[in-house]
Amino acid sequence: MTQQKPNDDADARVSLLSIPVRRIRPHFWTFSVCFVASLSYIIYIKVIDAESPSWREAPLAIMGSAAMAGGFWMFFSPILVEGVSMVFAAMYRQKTREQGREEGVAEGITRGHTEADAAWREWNDRRLAAEADGQPFREPPPDFRNGSGSSAG
């Protein structure tokens, strides 16, 4: 049973725990690994590490503890997977944001140099044309310190 938004299968969710369908596999493996680790620990505590284990009562104690561990991880494995995926997604977004910022700065510097060179060439062409015509040239050079890129005046 899945609940689906119209025309959007990527966000479909399993109704039991409201897990996105695309994340069922990570949830299953997280649950399985955590459950087996918990069960191994429970077996160690209940049977191996006990001072006087009663081998007749051990299977019942392990099954009861396994049921509690299964319920615990059934509830917490989605939280664990979603939390870890959120952390990794945030780290990925931060990394791509920094890369984009570096690329943007490099592109801005290149574009700024290109615009400055073009403005200086145009200014110099006007200056040389005025000198060739014998006219005085009083236009100030381009000023890029104020960020306008245009000549002052």
N, C-alpha and C. Protein backbone atom coordinates (compact mmCIF):
# COMPACT_ATOMS: atom_id res chain seq x y z
N MET A 1 0.83 -1.19 0.00
CA MET A 1 0.00 0.00 0.00
C MET A 1 0.87 1.24 0.00
N THR A 2 0.74 2.01 -1.00
CA THR A 2 1.50 3.25 -1.06
C THR A 2 0.56 4.42 -1.25
N GLN A 3 0.96 5.51 -0.69
CA GLN A 3 0.23 6.76 -0.89
C GLN A 3 1.04 7.56 -1.88
N GLN A 4 0.41 8.00 -2.96
CA GLN A 4 1.15 8.70 -3.99
C GLN A 4 0.53 10.05 -4.26
N LYS A 5 1.38 11.01 -4.49
CA LYS A 5 0.93 12.30 -4.98
C LYS A 5 0.65 12.13 -6.47
N PRO A 6 -0.24 12.90 -7.01
CA PRO A 6 -0.47 12.78 -8.46
C PRO A 6 0.79 13.12 -9.25
N ASN A 7 1.13 12.25 -10.19
CA ASN A 7 2.25 12.46 -11.12
C ASN A 7 3.60 12.61 -10.43
N ASP A 8 3.77 12.02 -9.25
CA ASP A 8 5.06 12.16 -8.57
C ASP A 8 5.39 10.86 -7.83
N ASP A 9 5.98 9.89 -8.55
CA ASP A 9 6.31 8.61 -7.94
C ASP A 9 7.55 8.68 -7.06
N ALA A 10 8.38 9.69 -7.22
CA ALA A 10 9.62 9.79 -6.45
C ALA A 10 9.34 10.04 -4.97
N ASP A 11 8.22 10.69 -4.65
CA ASP A 11 7.89 10.98 -3.27
C ASP A 11 6.87 10.02 -2.68
N ALA A 12 6.60 8.90 -3.38
CA ALA A 12 5.66 7.92 -2.85
C ALA A 12 6.22 7.36 -1.55
N ARG A 13 5.32 7.08 -0.62
CA ARG A 13 5.74 6.60 0.69
C ARG A 13 5.04 5.31 1.05
N VAL A 14 5.75 4.46 1.79
CA VAL A 14 5.16 3.25 2.33
C VAL A 14 4.35 3.69 3.54
N SER A 15 3.12 3.23 3.63
CA SER A 15 2.23 3.76 4.66
C SER A 15 2.57 3.29 6.07
N LEU A 16 3.27 2.16 6.23
CA LEU A 16 3.54 1.65 7.57
C LEU A 16 4.31 2.65 8.43
N LEU A 17 5.44 3.11 7.95
CA LEU A 17 6.25 4.06 8.72
C LEU A 17 6.47 5.36 7.96
N SER A 18 5.75 5.53 6.87
CA SER A 18 5.87 6.72 6.04
C SER A 18 7.30 6.90 5.53
N ILE A 19 7.86 5.82 5.04
CA ILE A 19 9.21 5.82 4.49
C ILE A 19 9.13 6.08 3.00
N PRO A 20 9.93 6.99 2.46
CA PRO A 20 9.93 7.16 1.00
C PRO A 20 10.34 5.87 0.31
N VAL A 21 9.67 5.54 -0.77
CA VAL A 21 9.92 4.28 -1.47
C VAL A 21 11.38 4.18 -1.91
N ARG A 22 11.97 5.29 -2.32
CA ARG A 22 13.35 5.24 -2.79
C ARG A 22 14.34 4.94 -1.67
N ARG A 23 13.88 4.99 -0.42
CA ARG A 23 14.79 4.72 0.71
C ARG A 23 14.46 3.44 1.46
N ILE A 24 13.66 2.57 0.88
CA ILE A 24 13.32 1.33 1.57
C ILE A 24 14.56 0.47 1.78
N ARG A 25 15.40 0.37 0.74
CA ARG A 25 16.59 -0.47 0.85
C ARG A 25 17.53 0.02 1.96
N PRO A 26 17.89 1.33 2.05
CA PRO A 26 18.75 1.75 3.18
C PRO A 26 18.09 1.53 4.54
N HIS A 27 16.77 1.71 4.61
CA HIS A 27 16.09 1.45 5.89
C HIS A 27 16.17 -0.03 6.26
N PHE A 28 15.96 -0.90 5.29
CA PHE A 28 16.02 -2.33 5.55
C PHE A 28 17.40 -2.73 6.05
N TRP A 29 18.45 -2.27 5.36
CA TRP A 29 19.80 -2.65 5.77
C TRP A 29 20.20 -2.03 7.11
N THR A 30 19.77 -0.81 7.34
CA THR A 30 20.06 -0.20 8.64
C THR A 30 19.38 -0.97 9.76
N PHE A 31 18.10 -1.29 9.54
CA PHE A 31 17.37 -2.07 10.53
C PHE A 31 18.05 -3.40 10.76
N SER A 32 18.42 -4.09 9.67
CA SER A 32 19.02 -5.42 9.80
C SER A 32 20.34 -5.38 10.55
N VAL A 33 21.20 -4.46 10.19
CA VAL A 33 22.51 -4.38 10.85
C VAL A 33 22.36 -4.02 12.33
N CYS A 34 21.52 -3.05 12.61
CA CYS A 34 21.32 -2.65 14.01
C CYS A 34 20.67 -3.77 14.81
N PHE A 35 19.71 -4.46 14.21
CA PHE A 35 19.03 -5.55 14.91
C PHE A 35 19.99 -6.68 15.21
N VAL A 36 20.80 -7.08 14.22
CA VAL A 36 21.76 -8.17 14.44
C VAL A 36 22.80 -7.76 15.48
N ALA A 37 23.26 -6.53 15.44
CA ALA A 37 24.23 -6.07 16.44
C ALA A 37 23.60 -6.08 17.83
N SER A 38 22.36 -5.60 17.94
CA SER A 38 21.68 -5.61 19.23
C SER A 38 21.44 -7.03 19.72
N LEU A 39 21.02 -7.91 18.81
CA LEU A 39 20.77 -9.29 19.19
C LEU A 39 22.06 -9.97 19.64
N SER A 40 23.15 -9.70 18.95
CA SER A 40 24.44 -10.27 19.36
C SER A 40 24.82 -9.79 20.75
N TYR A 41 24.61 -8.52 21.01
CA TYR A 41 24.91 -7.97 22.33
C TYR A 41 24.01 -8.60 23.39
N ILE A 42 22.74 -8.76 23.07
CA ILE A 42 21.80 -9.36 24.02
C ILE A 42 22.19 -10.80 24.32
N ILE A 43 22.56 -11.55 23.30
CA ILE A 43 22.99 -12.94 23.52
C ILE A 43 24.23 -12.96 24.40
N TYR A 44 25.15 -12.06 24.14
CA TYR A 44 26.36 -11.99 24.95
C TYR A 44 26.01 -11.70 26.41
N ILE A 45 25.16 -10.73 26.64
CA ILE A 45 24.81 -10.34 28.01
C ILE A 45 23.99 -11.42 28.71
N LYS A 46 22.98 -11.97 28.03
CA LYS A 46 22.05 -12.91 28.66
C LYS A 46 22.66 -14.30 28.85
N VAL A 47 23.50 -14.73 27.94
CA VAL A 47 23.94 -16.12 27.99
C VAL A 47 25.43 -16.24 28.32
N ILE A 48 26.26 -15.58 27.54
CA ILE A 48 27.69 -15.83 27.67
C ILE A 48 28.26 -15.14 28.90
N ASP A 49 27.86 -13.91 29.15
CA ASP A 49 28.44 -13.14 30.25
C ASP A 49 27.75 -13.39 31.59
N ALA A 50 26.65 -14.10 31.58
CA ALA A 50 25.96 -14.38 32.84
C ALA A 50 26.79 -15.35 33.67
N GLU A 51 26.76 -15.14 34.99
CA GLU A 51 27.59 -15.99 35.85
C GLU A 51 27.07 -17.43 35.90
N SER A 52 25.77 -17.58 35.98
CA SER A 52 25.21 -18.94 36.01
C SER A 52 24.06 -19.03 35.01
N PRO A 53 24.41 -19.18 33.73
CA PRO A 53 23.34 -19.21 32.73
C PRO A 53 22.51 -20.48 32.85
N SER A 54 21.24 -20.30 32.74
CA SER A 54 20.34 -21.45 32.69
C SER A 54 20.03 -21.68 31.23
N TRP A 55 20.60 -22.71 30.67
CA TRP A 55 20.48 -22.94 29.25
C TRP A 55 19.05 -23.23 28.82
N ARG A 56 18.23 -23.69 29.74
CA ARG A 56 16.82 -23.94 29.40
C ARG A 56 16.04 -22.64 29.27
N GLU A 57 16.42 -21.62 30.04
CA GLU A 57 15.70 -20.35 30.02
C GLU A 57 16.30 -19.35 29.02
N ALA A 58 17.49 -19.63 28.52
CA ALA A 58 18.18 -18.70 27.63
C ALA A 58 17.40 -18.42 26.33
N PRO A 59 16.88 -19.43 25.62
CA PRO A 59 16.17 -19.11 24.37
C PRO A 59 14.96 -18.20 24.58
N LEU A 60 14.22 -18.44 25.64
CA LEU A 60 13.05 -17.60 25.92
C LEU A 60 13.47 -16.17 26.25
N ALA A 61 14.53 -16.02 27.03
CA ALA A 61 15.02 -14.69 27.38
C ALA A 61 15.54 -13.97 26.13
N ILE A 62 16.24 -14.70 25.27
CA ILE A 62 16.77 -14.10 24.04
C ILE A 62 15.64 -13.69 23.11
N MET A 63 14.61 -14.52 22.97
CA MET A 63 13.49 -14.19 22.09
C MET A 63 12.73 -12.96 22.61
N GLY A 64 12.56 -12.89 23.93
CA GLY A 64 11.89 -11.71 24.49
C GLY A 64 12.70 -10.45 24.26
N SER A 65 13.99 -10.55 24.46
CA SER A 65 14.86 -9.39 24.22
C SER A 65 14.94 -9.06 22.74
N ALA A 66 14.92 -10.09 21.88
CA ALA A 66 14.96 -9.85 20.44
C ALA A 66 13.70 -9.12 20.00
N ALA A 67 12.58 -9.45 20.57
CA ALA A 67 11.34 -8.75 20.22
C ALA A 67 11.43 -7.27 20.62
N MET A 68 11.99 -7.02 21.81
CA MET A 68 12.16 -5.62 22.23
C MET A 68 13.14 -4.89 21.32
N ALA A 69 14.26 -5.57 20.96
CA ALA A 69 15.24 -4.95 20.07
C ALA A 69 14.63 -4.70 18.69
N GLY A 70 13.85 -5.66 18.20
CA GLY A 70 13.19 -5.48 16.89
C GLY A 70 12.25 -4.30 16.90
N GLY A 71 11.45 -4.18 17.94
CA GLY A 71 10.55 -3.03 18.05
C GLY A 71 11.31 -1.72 18.15
N PHE A 72 12.38 -1.74 18.93
CA PHE A 72 13.20 -0.53 19.09
C PHE A 72 13.77 -0.09 17.75
N TRP A 73 14.41 -1.02 17.02
CA TRP A 73 15.03 -0.65 15.75
C TRP A 73 14.02 -0.42 14.64
N MET A 74 12.83 -1.03 14.76
CA MET A 74 11.77 -0.75 13.78
C MET A 74 11.39 0.73 13.88
N PHE A 75 11.41 1.26 15.09
CA PHE A 75 11.08 2.66 15.29
C PHE A 75 12.25 3.58 14.98
N PHE A 76 13.46 3.22 15.44
CA PHE A 76 14.59 4.14 15.33
C PHE A 76 15.41 4.04 14.04
N SER A 77 15.32 2.94 13.30
CA SER A 77 16.12 2.87 12.06
C SER A 77 15.70 3.91 11.03
N PRO A 78 14.39 4.20 10.84
CA PRO A 78 14.06 5.30 9.92
C PRO A 78 14.61 6.64 10.39
N ILE A 79 14.55 6.87 11.69
CA ILE A 79 15.09 8.13 12.23
C ILE A 79 16.59 8.19 12.01
N LEU A 80 17.28 7.08 12.24
CA LEU A 80 18.72 7.02 12.04
C LEU A 80 19.08 7.26 10.57
N VAL A 81 18.40 6.57 9.65
CA VAL A 81 18.70 6.73 8.22
C VAL A 81 18.40 8.15 7.76
N GLU A 82 17.25 8.67 8.16
CA GLU A 82 16.89 10.03 7.73
C GLU A 82 17.85 11.06 8.32
N GLY A 83 18.24 10.88 9.58
CA GLY A 83 19.20 11.81 10.19
C GLY A 83 20.54 11.78 9.50
N VAL A 84 21.04 10.59 9.24
CA VAL A 84 22.34 10.46 8.56
C VAL A 84 22.26 11.02 7.14
N SER A 85 21.16 10.72 6.44
CA SER A 85 21.04 11.24 5.07
C SER A 85 20.93 12.76 5.07
N MET A 86 20.27 13.34 6.09
CA MET A 86 20.19 14.80 6.17
C MET A 86 21.58 15.40 6.41
N VAL A 87 22.36 14.76 7.26
CA VAL A 87 23.71 15.27 7.54
C VAL A 87 24.56 15.21 6.28
N PHE A 88 24.55 14.06 5.58
CA PHE A 88 25.34 13.94 4.36
C PHE A 88 24.84 14.88 3.26
N ALA A 89 23.52 15.06 3.18
CA ALA A 89 22.98 15.99 2.18
C ALA A 89 23.42 17.42 2.49
N ALA A 90 23.42 17.79 3.77
CA ALA A 90 23.87 19.14 4.14
C ALA A 90 25.35 19.33 3.82
N MET A 91 26.15 18.30 4.09
CA MET A 91 27.57 18.38 3.76
C MET A 91 27.77 18.50 2.26
N TYR A 92 27.01 17.75 1.47
CA TYR A 92 27.11 17.81 0.01
C TYR A 92 26.69 19.19 -0.50
N ARG A 93 25.58 19.71 0.03
CA ARG A 93 25.13 21.04 -0.40
C ARG A 93 26.17 22.10 -0.06
N GLN A 94 26.77 22.01 1.12
CA GLN A 94 27.80 22.97 1.51
C GLN A 94 28.99 22.89 0.57
N LYS A 95 29.40 21.67 0.24
CA LYS A 95 30.55 21.49 -0.65
C LYS A 95 30.25 22.05 -2.04
N THR A 96 29.07 21.74 -2.59
CA THR A 96 28.73 22.24 -3.92
C THR A 96 28.54 23.75 -3.89
N ARG A 97 28.02 24.28 -2.78
CA ARG A 97 27.86 25.73 -2.66
C ARG A 97 29.22 26.41 -2.68
N GLU A 98 30.20 25.84 -1.95
CA GLU A 98 31.55 26.42 -1.94
C GLU A 98 32.20 26.32 -3.32
N GLN A 99 32.01 25.18 -4.00
CA GLN A 99 32.56 25.04 -5.35
C GLN A 99 31.91 26.04 -6.29
N GLY A 100 30.59 26.20 -6.18
CA GLY A 100 29.90 27.17 -7.03
C GLY A 100 30.34 28.58 -6.75
N ARG A 101 30.58 28.88 -5.47
CA ARG A 101 31.04 30.21 -5.10
C ARG A 101 32.43 30.46 -5.69
N GLU A 102 33.32 29.47 -5.59
CA GLU A 102 34.66 29.63 -6.16
C GLU A 102 34.60 29.82 -7.67
N GLU A 103 33.74 29.02 -8.33
CA GLU A 103 33.60 29.17 -9.78
C GLU A 103 33.00 30.53 -10.13
N GLY A 104 32.03 30.98 -9.32
CA GLY A 104 31.41 32.28 -9.56
C GLY A 104 32.40 33.41 -9.39
N VAL A 105 33.25 33.31 -8.36
CA VAL A 105 34.26 34.34 -8.15
C VAL A 105 35.24 34.36 -9.32
N ALA A 106 35.68 33.19 -9.74
CA ALA A 106 36.63 33.12 -10.87
C ALA A 106 35.98 33.68 -12.14
N GLU A 107 34.71 33.33 -12.37
CA GLU A 107 34.01 33.86 -13.54
C GLU A 107 33.83 35.37 -13.43
N GLY A 108 33.51 35.86 -12.24
CA GLY A 108 33.35 37.30 -12.04
C GLY A 108 34.64 38.06 -12.27
N ILE A 109 35.75 37.48 -11.81
CA ILE A 109 37.05 38.13 -12.02
C ILE A 109 37.37 38.18 -13.51
N THR A 110 37.13 37.07 -14.20
CA THR A 110 37.39 37.03 -15.64
C THR A 110 36.52 38.03 -16.37
N ARG A 111 35.23 38.07 -16.02
CA ARG A 111 34.31 38.99 -16.69
C ARG A 111 34.71 40.44 -16.37
N GLY A 112 35.11 40.69 -15.13
CA GLY A 112 35.54 42.04 -14.77
C GLY A 112 36.76 42.49 -15.54
N HIS A 113 37.72 41.58 -15.68
CA HIS A 113 38.91 41.92 -16.46
C HIS A 113 38.56 42.17 -17.92
N THR A 114 37.67 41.35 -18.47
CA THR A 114 37.26 41.53 -19.87
C THR A 114 36.57 42.87 -20.06
N GLU A 115 35.66 43.23 -19.15
CA GLU A 115 34.95 44.51 -19.25
C GLU A 115 35.91 45.68 -19.08
N ALA A 116 36.84 45.54 -18.13
CA ALA A 116 37.81 46.62 -17.90
C ALA A 116 38.70 46.80 -19.13
N ASP A 117 39.17 45.68 -19.69
CA ASP A 117 40.01 45.78 -20.89
C ASP A 117 39.25 46.44 -22.04
N ALA A 118 37.98 46.05 -22.21
CA ALA A 118 37.18 46.63 -23.29
C ALA A 118 36.98 48.13 -23.07
N ALA A 119 36.69 48.53 -21.82
CA ALA A 119 36.49 49.95 -21.53
C ALA A 119 37.77 50.73 -21.77
N TRP A 120 38.91 50.20 -21.38
CA TRP A 120 40.19 50.89 -21.59
C TRP A 120 40.52 50.97 -23.08
N ARG A 121 40.24 49.88 -23.83
CA ARG A 121 40.51 49.92 -25.27
C ARG A 121 39.65 50.98 -25.96
N GLU A 122 38.35 51.02 -25.60
CA GLU A 122 37.46 52.03 -26.19
C GLU A 122 37.94 53.44 -25.84
N TRP A 123 38.33 53.65 -24.58
CA TRP A 123 38.82 54.96 -24.15
C TRP A 123 40.08 55.33 -24.92
N ASN A 124 40.99 54.34 -25.06
CA ASN A 124 42.24 54.60 -25.77
C ASN A 124 41.98 54.85 -27.26
N ASP A 125 41.04 54.12 -27.84
CA ASP A 125 40.70 54.37 -29.25
C ASP A 125 40.16 55.78 -29.43
N ARG A 126 39.30 56.25 -28.53
CA ARG A 126 38.79 57.63 -28.61
C ARG A 126 39.91 58.64 -28.43
N ARG A 127 40.84 58.34 -27.52
CA ARG A 127 41.97 59.24 -27.28
C ARG A 127 42.85 59.33 -28.51
N LEU A 128 43.17 58.18 -29.12
CA LEU A 128 44.02 58.17 -30.31
C LEU A 128 43.32 58.84 -31.50
N ALA A 129 42.01 58.65 -31.61
CA ALA A 129 41.27 59.30 -32.69
C ALA A 129 41.27 60.81 -32.51
N ALA A 130 41.12 61.26 -31.26
CA ALA A 130 41.15 62.70 -30.99
C ALA A 130 42.54 63.26 -31.29
N GLU A 131 43.60 62.53 -30.93
CA GLU A 131 44.95 62.99 -31.22
C GLU A 131 45.21 63.04 -32.73
N ALA A 132 44.69 62.04 -33.44
CA ALA A 132 44.88 62.01 -34.89
C ALA A 132 44.16 63.17 -35.57
N ASP A 133 43.01 63.58 -35.02
CA ASP A 133 42.26 64.72 -35.58
C ASP A 133 42.80 66.06 -35.08
N GLY A 134 43.74 66.03 -34.13
CA GLY A 134 44.31 67.25 -33.59
C GLY A 134 43.38 67.94 -32.59
N GLN A 135 42.43 67.22 -32.05
CA GLN A 135 41.51 67.80 -31.07
C GLN A 135 41.98 67.45 -29.67
N PRO A 136 41.68 68.33 -28.72
CA PRO A 136 42.05 68.02 -27.33
C PRO A 136 41.15 66.89 -26.79
N PHE A 137 41.73 66.05 -25.98
CA PHE A 137 40.99 64.91 -25.40
C PHE A 137 40.97 65.09 -23.90
N ARG A 138 39.81 65.40 -23.34
CA ARG A 138 39.70 65.69 -21.91
C ARG A 138 38.90 64.64 -21.15
N GLU A 139 38.53 63.55 -21.80
CA GLU A 139 37.74 62.50 -21.12
C GLU A 139 38.65 61.75 -20.14
N PRO A 140 38.21 61.63 -18.88
CA PRO A 140 39.04 60.89 -17.90
C PRO A 140 39.02 59.39 -18.22
N PRO A 141 40.05 58.69 -17.79
CA PRO A 141 40.09 57.25 -18.05
C PRO A 141 38.99 56.52 -17.27
N PRO A 142 38.66 55.32 -17.67
CA PRO A 142 37.63 54.55 -16.96
C PRO A 142 38.02 54.34 -15.50
N ASP A 143 37.01 54.39 -14.63
CA ASP A 143 37.24 54.23 -13.19
C ASP A 143 36.50 52.98 -12.72
N PHE A 144 37.23 51.95 -12.36
CA PHE A 144 36.62 50.70 -11.92
C PHE A 144 36.65 50.56 -10.40
N ARG A 145 37.20 51.52 -9.72
CA ARG A 145 37.26 51.43 -8.26
C ARG A 145 35.89 51.57 -7.63
N ASN A 146 34.98 52.35 -8.24
CA ASN A 146 33.66 52.52 -7.65
C ASN A 146 32.67 51.47 -8.13
N GLY A 147 33.11 50.54 -8.96
CA GLY A 147 32.28 49.45 -9.41
C GLY A 147 31.41 49.76 -10.60
N SER A 148 31.45 51.00 -11.12
CA SER A 148 30.58 51.35 -12.22
C SER A 148 31.15 50.89 -13.55
N GLY A 149 32.46 50.93 -13.70
CA GLY A 149 33.10 50.52 -14.94
C GLY A 149 33.01 51.57 -16.01
N SER A 150 32.39 52.68 -15.72
CA SER A 150 32.28 53.75 -16.73
C SER A 150 33.27 54.85 -16.39
N SER A 151 33.51 55.69 -17.35
CA SER A 151 34.44 56.78 -17.09
C SER A 151 33.74 57.86 -16.30
N ALA A 152 34.48 58.49 -15.42
CA ALA A 152 33.92 59.54 -14.58
C ALA A 152 33.75 60.81 -15.40
N GLY A 153 32.74 61.61 -15.08
CA GLY A 153 32.61 62.90 -15.76
C GLY A 153 31.35 63.12 -16.41
